[in-house]
Amino acid sequence: MAEVTVIGGGLAGLAAAAALGGAGYQVDVFETRWFLGGRATSYPVTAAAETIDNCQHILLRCCVNLLDFYQRLQVRDRIRFHREFFFIEPGGRTSTLKSGIFPAPAHFTESFAKLRFLTLADKLSLARGILALRREHGRRADLDHITMADWLREKRQTPRAIERFWRQVLVSAINEELDRMAAAHGFQVFRLGFLASPHSSDMGVPAVPLGDLYTSEAWSRLPGVTLRTRETIKEVIIEDAAVTGVRTDLGVEPATRLISAVPFERIPALLPQLDLPLEAFEHCPITGIHLWFDRPITQLPHATLLDRTIQWMFNKDRGRYLQLVVSASRSLTPMSRADVIALAVRELAEFFPTVAAAKLEKAHVVKEVRATFSAKPGLERLRPESRTAIRGLYLAGDWTRSGWPATMEGAVRSGYLAAEALAEADRRPQRFLLPDIA
């Protein structure tokens, strides 16, 4: 019998298992699918078994707990960090944002002044907005009750500054539109990612397929953790308000310490005993578009594409294989695969002229309809904490009260918090969660 049972092999469950396994617990992780990583994973999609990520996932250096998790698996060296952000306008004009000689929070001043996709009025507007954000952080009590769009209009941000800067940064980070996103989330991500230190915004992109970050070799360094893929827990057995076991495909197994790290939509079926306001939670989709061309399209490692549906481009193989990302992609969800690909190629040609002469050899579209929860105003107070009223039962998942929105960092934080709560109740207190950098 394992000391701890974890349901769900996404980042939240894996983080909890890594923390507890490193602290000496014996942990069994049950995952229905044959692969790990949840919504941050990779899989083969072609006859040649070519492996792709379901969607490009990135992190910033301010994601200290995610980096700690990678360190526990000794795969942190597989993340490549970039210090430059490339903004491209239709027609191909490119601006670069990067840290300069000034200390934080003024470290972007030099390159910010040279950005060509914003006018002087836009830049002055942005400067006012950033100063207001720093001034109001921790002082306003209404930020979870208004949208980020409300706050930006209150600060008289120009339409171009909103569309070309705030939206490009925040929608991609939080996976929600500005007029649906609680201002509190926008504040947090922007403050930690862009203002906290000269390096907090460094963008980390995995240099390997996401699935390679969670291999058996990596987990062999934590011998107390057993990964039970393709095993489904159908029921959590609760008696006298305490967890006593789980029912799997093969029968009943005893369990007295359990961490549920499944998405919120699975809670009613798995744990109907919990009284959670899940009707308030909604999903927000992300779409990943993979394009393989017969020639290099660009040498840039990545870029954010302005004024179009496609938001980000990532160069996956010498400019011939590009991955495009659309966050909060509600407009693409009902479209056919062929129409999404046609839209992507058409828009890409507006930024990279080579596309017009190139041959598209193959393409793949991944629609993550349930990618994240919608970080809407008023939801934060409804996100459950890791402790529950049922003895031995703890919750993890990016939808729980992790202190972050639905990101990889938020998922890992939730796993660490659940592990801390379990260890404390077990009278073996541990601290796994690392504090934010600011």
Protein backbone atom coordinates (compact mmCIF):
# COMPACT_ATOMS: atom_id res chain seq x y z
CA MET A 1 0.00 0.00 0.00
CA ALA A 2 1.37 3.40 -1.00
CA GLU A 3 1.46 6.04 1.68
CA VAL A 4 -0.01 8.60 -0.74
CA THR A 5 -2.30 8.13 -3.73
CA VAL A 6 -2.32 10.84 -6.41
CA ILE A 7 -5.08 10.89 -9.03
CA GLY A 8 -3.96 12.62 -12.22
CA GLY A 9 -0.62 12.70 -14.02
CA GLY A 10 -0.74 16.32 -15.11
CA LEU A 11 1.67 18.92 -13.76
CA ALA A 12 -0.26 19.38 -10.49
CA GLY A 13 -0.26 15.68 -9.65
CA LEU A 14 3.33 15.19 -10.78
CA ALA A 15 4.51 18.16 -8.72
CA ALA A 16 2.80 16.80 -5.61
CA ALA A 17 4.33 13.38 -6.22
CA ALA A 18 7.82 14.80 -6.80
CA ALA A 19 7.65 16.88 -3.62
CA LEU A 20 6.37 14.06 -1.42
CA GLY A 21 8.60 11.45 -3.05
CA GLY A 22 11.59 13.66 -2.40
CA ALA A 23 10.50 13.94 1.25
CA GLY A 24 10.52 10.18 1.71
CA TYR A 25 6.89 9.25 1.03
CA GLN A 26 5.88 6.29 -1.10
CA VAL A 27 3.57 7.71 -3.77
CA ASP A 28 1.43 6.06 -6.44
CA VAL A 29 0.33 8.30 -9.32
CA PHE A 30 -2.70 7.07 -11.29
CA GLU A 31 -3.09 8.41 -14.82
CA THR A 32 -5.81 7.20 -17.18
CA ARG A 33 -3.82 7.92 -20.31
CA TRP A 34 -0.55 6.31 -21.35
CA PHE A 35 1.37 9.58 -21.21
CA LEU A 36 2.12 12.13 -18.49
CA GLY A 37 1.87 15.90 -18.43
CA GLY A 38 -1.87 16.42 -18.87
CA ARG A 39 -2.39 19.45 -21.10
CA ALA A 40 1.38 20.09 -21.23
CA THR A 41 2.52 17.03 -23.11
CA SER A 42 3.57 15.67 -26.52
CA TYR A 43 2.71 12.69 -28.69
CA PRO A 44 3.43 11.18 -32.14
CA VAL A 45 1.08 12.28 -34.90
CA THR A 46 2.51 10.99 -38.18
CA ALA A 47 3.29 7.64 -39.72
CA ALA A 48 6.95 8.39 -39.06
CA ALA A 49 6.07 8.83 -35.38
CA GLU A 50 7.01 12.50 -35.44
CA THR A 51 6.43 13.93 -31.98
CA ILE A 52 4.75 17.27 -31.42
CA ASP A 53 3.64 19.22 -28.36
CA ASN A 54 -0.12 19.49 -28.03
CA CYS A 55 0.53 23.23 -27.88
CA GLN A 56 3.67 25.29 -27.35
CA HIS A 57 4.10 25.85 -23.61
CA ILE A 58 6.50 28.48 -22.36
CA LEU A 59 7.52 29.83 -18.98
CA LEU A 60 9.25 32.89 -17.59
CA ARG A 61 12.05 32.94 -15.05
CA CYS A 62 9.54 34.22 -12.51
CA CYS A 63 7.96 30.74 -12.61
CA VAL A 64 10.17 29.64 -9.74
CA ASN A 65 8.12 26.62 -8.66
CA LEU A 66 7.89 25.19 -12.16
CA LEU A 67 11.66 25.53 -12.46
CA ASP A 68 12.03 23.86 -9.06
CA PHE A 69 9.90 20.94 -10.29
CA TYR A 70 12.09 20.58 -13.38
CA GLN A 71 15.13 20.64 -11.11
CA ARG A 72 13.69 17.82 -8.99
CA LEU A 73 13.51 15.73 -12.17
CA GLN A 74 16.92 17.05 -13.27
CA VAL A 75 15.59 18.27 -16.60
CA ARG A 76 15.93 22.00 -16.02
CA ASP A 77 18.84 22.12 -18.48
CA ARG A 78 16.38 21.19 -21.24
CA ILE A 79 14.77 24.63 -21.05
CA ARG A 80 16.30 27.27 -23.34
CA PHE A 81 15.85 30.86 -22.21
CA HIS A 82 15.52 33.86 -24.52
CA ARG A 83 15.96 37.46 -23.42
CA GLU A 84 14.51 39.13 -26.51
CA PHE A 85 10.87 39.50 -27.56
CA PHE A 86 10.19 40.12 -31.25
CA PHE A 87 7.03 42.02 -32.22
CA ILE A 88 6.21 41.81 -35.94
CA GLU A 89 3.68 43.97 -37.76
CA PRO A 90 1.86 42.90 -40.92
CA GLY A 91 4.35 43.69 -43.67
CA GLY A 92 7.27 42.33 -41.68
CA ARG A 93 8.55 45.33 -39.70
CA THR A 94 10.08 43.96 -36.50
CA SER A 95 10.67 45.57 -33.11
CA THR A 96 12.70 44.01 -30.30
CA LEU A 97 12.03 44.33 -26.58
CA LYS A 98 14.85 43.33 -24.22
CA SER A 99 16.47 44.28 -20.93
CA GLY A 100 19.06 47.05 -20.96
CA ILE A 101 21.44 48.79 -18.60
CA PHE A 102 18.90 50.23 -16.18
CA PRO A 103 17.84 48.36 -13.03
CA ALA A 104 14.35 46.94 -12.63
CA PRO A 105 11.66 48.08 -13.11
CA ALA A 106 13.21 50.41 -15.71
CA HIS A 107 15.24 47.69 -17.44
CA PHE A 108 13.19 47.82 -20.67
CA THR A 109 13.49 51.60 -21.05
CA GLU A 110 16.06 51.63 -23.87
CA SER A 111 14.37 49.11 -26.14
CA PHE A 112 10.89 50.34 -25.21
CA ALA A 113 11.78 53.79 -26.52
CA LYS A 114 12.76 52.23 -29.86
CA LEU A 115 9.66 50.12 -30.41
CA ARG A 116 8.33 51.04 -33.83
CA PHE A 117 4.91 49.45 -33.59
CA LEU A 118 3.82 52.02 -30.99
CA THR A 119 3.51 55.78 -31.41
CA LEU A 120 4.84 58.28 -28.88
CA ALA A 121 1.30 58.75 -27.56
CA ASP A 122 1.00 54.97 -27.11
CA LYS A 123 4.29 54.83 -25.21
CA LEU A 124 3.34 57.67 -22.91
CA SER A 125 0.03 55.94 -22.28
CA LEU A 126 1.82 52.68 -21.47
CA ALA A 127 4.25 54.41 -19.13
CA ARG A 128 1.32 55.90 -17.20
CA GLY A 129 -0.36 52.52 -17.05
CA ILE A 130 2.73 50.70 -15.81
CA LEU A 131 3.34 53.32 -13.12
CA ALA A 132 -0.30 53.02 -12.02
CA LEU A 133 -0.03 49.24 -11.91
CA ARG A 134 3.00 49.43 -9.64
CA ARG A 135 1.35 52.02 -7.44
CA GLU A 136 -1.97 50.21 -7.09
CA HIS A 137 -0.66 46.70 -6.57
CA GLY A 138 -1.62 45.51 -3.11
CA ARG A 139 -3.66 48.65 -2.45
CA ARG A 140 -6.84 48.15 -4.45
CA ALA A 141 -9.46 45.74 -3.16
CA ASP A 142 -11.54 45.61 -6.33
CA LEU A 143 -9.11 44.06 -8.80
CA ASP A 144 -10.78 40.65 -8.70
CA HIS A 145 -14.15 42.26 -9.42
CA ILE A 146 -13.28 44.30 -12.51
CA THR A 147 -11.82 43.18 -15.82
CA MET A 148 -8.38 44.10 -17.06
CA ALA A 149 -10.10 45.96 -19.90
CA ASP A 150 -12.02 48.02 -17.33
CA TRP A 151 -8.78 48.96 -15.60
CA LEU A 152 -6.99 49.82 -18.85
CA ARG A 153 -9.82 52.12 -19.91
CA GLU A 154 -9.78 53.70 -16.44
CA LYS A 155 -6.08 54.48 -16.99
CA ARG A 156 -6.80 55.98 -20.42
CA GLN A 157 -4.68 53.54 -22.35
CA THR A 158 -4.75 54.17 -26.08
CA PRO A 159 -6.51 51.60 -28.28
CA ARG A 160 -3.22 50.75 -30.01
CA ALA A 161 -1.39 50.27 -26.70
CA ILE A 162 -4.16 47.96 -25.50
CA GLU A 163 -4.32 45.92 -28.67
CA ARG A 164 -0.65 45.71 -29.55
CA PHE A 165 0.94 45.51 -26.11
CA TRP A 166 -1.35 44.70 -23.20
CA ARG A 167 -3.42 42.18 -25.16
CA GLN A 168 -0.43 40.50 -26.77
CA VAL A 169 1.26 40.00 -23.41
CA LEU A 170 -1.65 39.19 -21.10
CA VAL A 171 -3.99 37.12 -23.27
CA SER A 172 -1.13 34.77 -24.10
CA ALA A 173 -0.06 34.53 -20.45
CA ILE A 174 -3.50 34.02 -18.89
CA ASN A 175 -5.48 32.53 -21.80
CA GLU A 176 -8.39 34.89 -21.57
CA GLU A 177 -9.48 38.07 -23.32
CA LEU A 178 -8.94 41.38 -21.54
CA ASP A 179 -12.69 42.02 -21.24
CA ARG A 180 -13.19 38.63 -19.54
CA MET A 181 -10.03 38.55 -17.41
CA ALA A 182 -9.99 39.67 -13.77
CA ALA A 183 -7.63 42.61 -13.41
CA ALA A 184 -5.98 40.89 -10.44
CA HIS A 185 -4.54 38.23 -12.75
CA GLY A 186 -3.28 40.78 -15.24
CA PHE A 187 -1.60 42.70 -12.43
CA GLN A 188 0.13 39.64 -11.05
CA VAL A 189 1.50 38.26 -14.29
CA PHE A 190 2.70 41.61 -15.59
CA ARG A 191 4.26 42.67 -12.29
CA LEU A 192 6.15 39.41 -11.74
CA GLY A 193 7.04 38.80 -15.36
CA PHE A 194 8.02 42.29 -16.50
CA LEU A 195 8.78 44.47 -13.50
CA ALA A 196 10.22 42.29 -10.74
CA SER A 197 13.77 41.90 -12.03
CA PRO A 198 15.80 42.35 -15.24
CA HIS A 199 15.63 38.60 -15.87
CA SER A 200 12.15 37.67 -14.63
CA SER A 201 10.76 38.02 -18.16
CA ASP A 202 13.34 35.72 -19.77
CA MET A 203 11.22 33.31 -21.82
CA GLY A 204 11.90 29.62 -21.39
CA VAL A 205 11.05 27.28 -24.26
CA PRO A 206 11.58 23.53 -23.84
CA ALA A 207 14.31 22.31 -26.18
CA VAL A 208 12.75 18.83 -26.25
CA PRO A 209 9.16 17.62 -26.68
CA LEU A 210 7.21 18.24 -23.49
CA GLY A 211 6.76 14.54 -22.85
CA ASP A 212 10.55 14.14 -22.62
CA LEU A 213 10.51 16.21 -19.43
CA TYR A 214 8.62 13.45 -17.58
CA THR A 215 10.35 10.28 -18.78
CA SER A 216 10.94 7.15 -16.72
CA GLU A 217 14.61 8.12 -16.54
CA ALA A 218 13.70 11.40 -14.87
CA TRP A 219 11.40 9.70 -12.37
CA SER A 220 13.99 7.03 -11.59
CA ARG A 221 15.70 9.69 -9.48
CA LEU A 222 12.67 9.58 -7.17
CA PRO A 223 12.37 5.85 -6.43
CA GLY A 224 9.52 6.41 -3.98
CA VAL A 225 7.20 7.47 -6.82
CA THR A 226 5.39 4.81 -8.85
CA LEU A 227 3.71 5.94 -12.08
CA ARG A 228 0.64 3.87 -12.90
CA THR A 229 -0.36 4.97 -16.39
CA ARG A 230 -3.40 3.52 -18.15
CA GLU A 231 -5.00 2.93 -14.75
CA THR A 232 -8.23 4.72 -13.95
CA ILE A 233 -9.59 5.43 -10.51
CA LYS A 234 -13.33 5.11 -10.87
CA GLU A 235 -14.33 5.92 -7.31
CA VAL A 236 -12.87 7.37 -4.14
CA ILE A 237 -14.21 5.41 -1.18
CA ILE A 238 -15.13 7.64 1.75
CA GLU A 239 -16.37 6.34 5.08
CA ASP A 240 -17.11 8.43 8.17
CA ALA A 241 -15.84 11.58 6.40
CA ALA A 242 -12.43 10.00 5.72
CA VAL A 243 -10.77 8.49 2.66
CA THR A 244 -10.40 4.71 3.02
CA GLY A 245 -9.70 3.48 -0.48
CA VAL A 246 -10.04 3.79 -4.23
CA ARG A 247 -11.76 1.62 -6.80
CA THR A 248 -9.74 1.02 -9.97
CA ASP A 249 -10.34 -1.06 -13.09
CA LEU A 250 -8.86 -4.01 -11.21
CA GLY A 251 -10.62 -3.67 -7.88
CA VAL A 252 -10.41 -1.84 -4.56
CA GLU A 253 -7.14 -0.62 -3.08
CA PRO A 254 -6.70 0.88 0.40
CA ALA A 255 -5.84 4.58 0.52
CA THR A 256 -5.85 6.95 3.48
CA ARG A 257 -3.94 9.92 2.03
CA LEU A 258 -5.15 11.05 -1.38
CA ILE A 259 -4.50 14.04 -3.60
CA SER A 260 -7.02 14.63 -6.36
CA ALA A 261 -5.29 16.47 -9.20
CA VAL A 262 -7.97 16.17 -11.87
CA PRO A 263 -9.65 19.00 -13.81
CA PHE A 264 -12.66 20.65 -12.19
CA GLU A 265 -15.13 19.07 -14.62
CA ARG A 266 -14.21 15.60 -13.31
CA ILE A 267 -14.83 16.40 -9.65
CA PRO A 268 -18.63 15.79 -9.55
CA ALA A 269 -18.24 12.21 -10.84
CA LEU A 270 -15.13 11.37 -8.84
CA LEU A 271 -15.90 13.18 -5.58
CA PRO A 272 -19.64 13.93 -5.38
CA GLN A 273 -19.24 14.35 -1.60
CA LEU A 274 -17.50 17.70 -2.11
CA ASP A 275 -19.74 20.75 -2.11
CA LEU A 276 -17.90 23.04 -4.52
CA PRO A 277 -19.38 25.90 -6.60
CA LEU A 278 -18.18 24.35 -9.85
CA GLU A 279 -21.03 25.83 -11.87
CA ALA A 280 -19.10 29.12 -11.74
CA PHE A 281 -16.12 27.63 -13.60
CA GLU A 282 -15.90 27.86 -17.38
CA HIS A 283 -13.30 26.67 -19.87
CA CYS A 284 -11.24 28.78 -22.25
CA PRO A 285 -9.64 27.17 -25.32
CA ILE A 286 -6.16 27.33 -26.85
CA THR A 287 -5.37 26.29 -30.41
CA GLY A 288 -1.97 25.10 -31.60
CA ILE A 289 -1.26 25.01 -35.33
CA HIS A 290 1.75 23.03 -36.63
CA LEU A 291 3.03 23.85 -40.11
CA TRP A 292 5.85 22.12 -42.03
CA PHE A 293 7.18 23.92 -45.12
CA ASP A 294 9.60 22.84 -47.84
CA ARG A 295 11.99 25.68 -47.03
CA PRO A 296 12.98 27.95 -44.12
CA ILE A 297 10.40 30.66 -43.44
CA THR A 298 12.28 32.64 -40.77
CA GLN A 299 15.41 32.55 -38.65
CA LEU A 300 13.73 34.17 -35.66
CA PRO A 301 13.36 31.74 -32.73
CA HIS A 302 9.93 33.12 -31.89
CA ALA A 303 7.79 36.21 -32.42
CA THR A 304 4.50 37.74 -31.42
CA LEU A 305 2.40 38.63 -34.47
CA LEU A 306 0.38 41.82 -34.24
CA ASP A 307 -3.15 42.69 -35.38
CA ARG A 308 -4.14 39.20 -36.52
CA THR A 309 -5.75 36.04 -35.16
CA ILE A 310 -2.42 34.21 -34.81
CA GLN A 311 -0.65 35.56 -31.74
CA TRP A 312 2.67 33.71 -31.48
CA MET A 313 5.08 31.89 -33.75
CA PHE A 314 7.73 29.45 -32.53
CA ASN A 315 10.52 28.17 -34.76
CA LYS A 316 10.79 24.45 -34.03
CA ASP A 317 13.21 23.29 -36.73
CA ARG A 318 15.42 25.74 -38.64
CA GLY A 319 12.49 27.75 -39.89
CA ARG A 320 10.84 24.87 -41.77
CA TYR A 321 8.58 23.71 -38.96
CA LEU A 322 6.66 26.47 -37.20
CA GLN A 323 4.21 26.17 -34.35
CA LEU A 324 1.59 28.90 -34.06
CA VAL A 325 -0.48 29.59 -30.97
CA VAL A 326 -3.83 31.29 -30.48
CA SER A 327 -4.88 31.76 -26.86
CA ALA A 328 -8.52 32.32 -25.90
CA SER A 329 -9.25 30.86 -29.33
CA ARG A 330 -13.05 30.79 -29.20
CA SER A 331 -13.28 32.04 -32.79
CA LEU A 332 -11.34 29.00 -34.07
CA THR A 333 -13.19 26.33 -32.10
CA PRO A 334 -16.09 25.89 -34.58
CA MET A 335 -13.86 26.16 -37.66
CA SER A 336 -12.81 23.11 -39.66
CA ARG A 337 -9.21 21.92 -39.64
CA ALA A 338 -8.78 23.01 -43.27
CA ASP A 339 -10.12 26.50 -42.56
CA VAL A 340 -7.86 26.96 -39.53
CA ILE A 341 -4.82 25.92 -41.58
CA ALA A 342 -5.79 28.22 -44.46
CA LEU A 343 -6.23 31.14 -42.06
CA ALA A 344 -2.87 30.45 -40.43
CA VAL A 345 -0.96 30.24 -43.71
CA ARG A 346 -2.68 33.35 -45.07
CA GLU A 347 -1.86 35.39 -41.98
CA LEU A 348 1.67 34.03 -41.71
CA ALA A 349 2.39 35.24 -45.25
CA GLU A 350 1.64 38.80 -44.13
CA PHE A 351 4.58 38.65 -41.75
CA PHE A 352 7.00 36.37 -43.64
CA PRO A 353 6.97 36.86 -47.44
CA THR A 354 8.73 33.52 -48.01
CA VAL A 355 5.48 31.75 -47.15
CA ALA A 356 3.95 32.82 -50.47
CA ALA A 357 6.52 30.85 -52.45
CA ALA A 358 6.86 27.94 -50.02
CA LYS A 359 5.04 24.65 -50.23
CA LEU A 360 3.14 23.52 -47.16
CA GLU A 361 4.13 19.88 -46.83
CA LYS A 362 1.93 18.96 -43.88
CA ALA A 363 -0.05 20.54 -41.08
CA HIS A 364 -1.69 19.60 -37.82
CA VAL A 365 -4.20 21.44 -35.64
CA VAL A 366 -4.70 20.84 -31.92
CA LYS A 367 -7.75 22.43 -30.33
CA GLU A 368 -7.52 22.30 -26.54
CA VAL A 369 -11.15 23.22 -25.89
CA ARG A 370 -10.69 22.72 -22.14
CA ALA A 371 -7.23 24.23 -21.95
CA THR A 372 -7.72 26.35 -18.81
CA PHE A 373 -10.44 27.79 -16.66
CA SER A 374 -11.63 31.26 -17.58
CA ALA A 375 -9.96 33.73 -15.18
CA LYS A 376 -13.05 35.87 -14.95
CA PRO A 377 -13.83 38.47 -12.25
CA GLY A 378 -15.24 37.13 -9.00
CA LEU A 379 -13.91 33.59 -9.43
CA GLU A 380 -10.88 33.82 -7.17
CA ARG A 381 -12.87 33.55 -3.95
CA LEU A 382 -14.56 30.39 -5.29
CA ARG A 383 -11.35 28.51 -6.07
CA PRO A 384 -11.00 25.80 -3.38
CA GLU A 385 -7.97 25.43 -1.14
CA SER A 386 -6.05 22.18 -1.02
CA ARG A 387 -7.53 21.06 2.31
CA THR A 388 -11.02 19.59 2.29
CA ALA A 389 -13.54 18.63 4.96
CA ILE A 390 -12.83 14.96 4.22
CA ARG A 391 -9.95 13.56 6.26
CA GLY A 392 -7.06 12.46 4.08
CA LEU A 393 -8.35 14.19 0.93
CA TYR A 394 -6.54 17.13 -0.69
CA LEU A 395 -7.10 19.00 -3.93
CA ALA A 396 -4.59 20.13 -6.54
CA GLY A 397 -4.94 21.51 -10.04
CA ASP A 398 -4.45 24.86 -11.74
CA TRP A 399 -8.12 25.64 -10.98
CA THR A 400 -7.61 25.45 -7.21
CA ARG A 401 -6.45 28.40 -5.12
CA SER A 402 -2.77 28.29 -6.06
CA GLY A 403 -2.13 32.04 -5.90
CA TRP A 404 -1.64 32.08 -9.70
CA PRO A 405 -3.93 31.91 -12.73
CA ALA A 406 -4.20 28.73 -14.82
CA THR A 407 -0.58 28.37 -15.90
CA MET A 408 2.06 25.66 -15.56
CA GLU A 409 3.41 27.60 -12.58
CA GLY A 410 -0.06 27.65 -11.05
CA ALA A 411 -0.43 23.89 -11.53
CA VAL A 412 2.90 23.15 -9.85
CA ARG A 413 2.12 25.55 -7.02
CA SER A 414 -1.15 23.74 -6.40
CA GLY A 415 0.65 20.40 -6.24
CA TYR A 416 3.18 21.74 -3.78
CA LEU A 417 0.43 23.28 -1.61
CA ALA A 418 -1.47 19.99 -1.51
CA ALA A 419 1.73 18.16 -0.59
CA GLU A 420 2.39 20.66 2.22
CA ALA A 421 -1.13 20.29 3.58
CA LEU A 422 -0.86 16.50 3.55
CA ALA A 423 2.54 16.48 5.26
CA GLU A 424 1.37 18.93 7.91
CA ALA A 425 -1.70 16.82 8.71
CA ASP A 426 0.61 13.82 8.88
CA ARG A 427 2.76 15.63 11.46
CA ARG A 428 5.70 15.59 9.05
CA PRO A 429 5.60 19.28 8.08
CA GLN A 430 7.53 20.26 4.97
CA ARG A 431 7.87 23.43 2.90
CA PHE A 432 7.83 22.82 -0.84
CA LEU A 433 6.34 26.04 -2.22
CA LEU A 434 8.89 28.71 -3.13
CA PRO A 435 7.82 32.34 -2.68
CA ASP A 436 7.28 34.59 -5.68
CA ILE A 437 10.33 36.61 -6.66
CA ALA A 438 8.61 39.86 -5.64
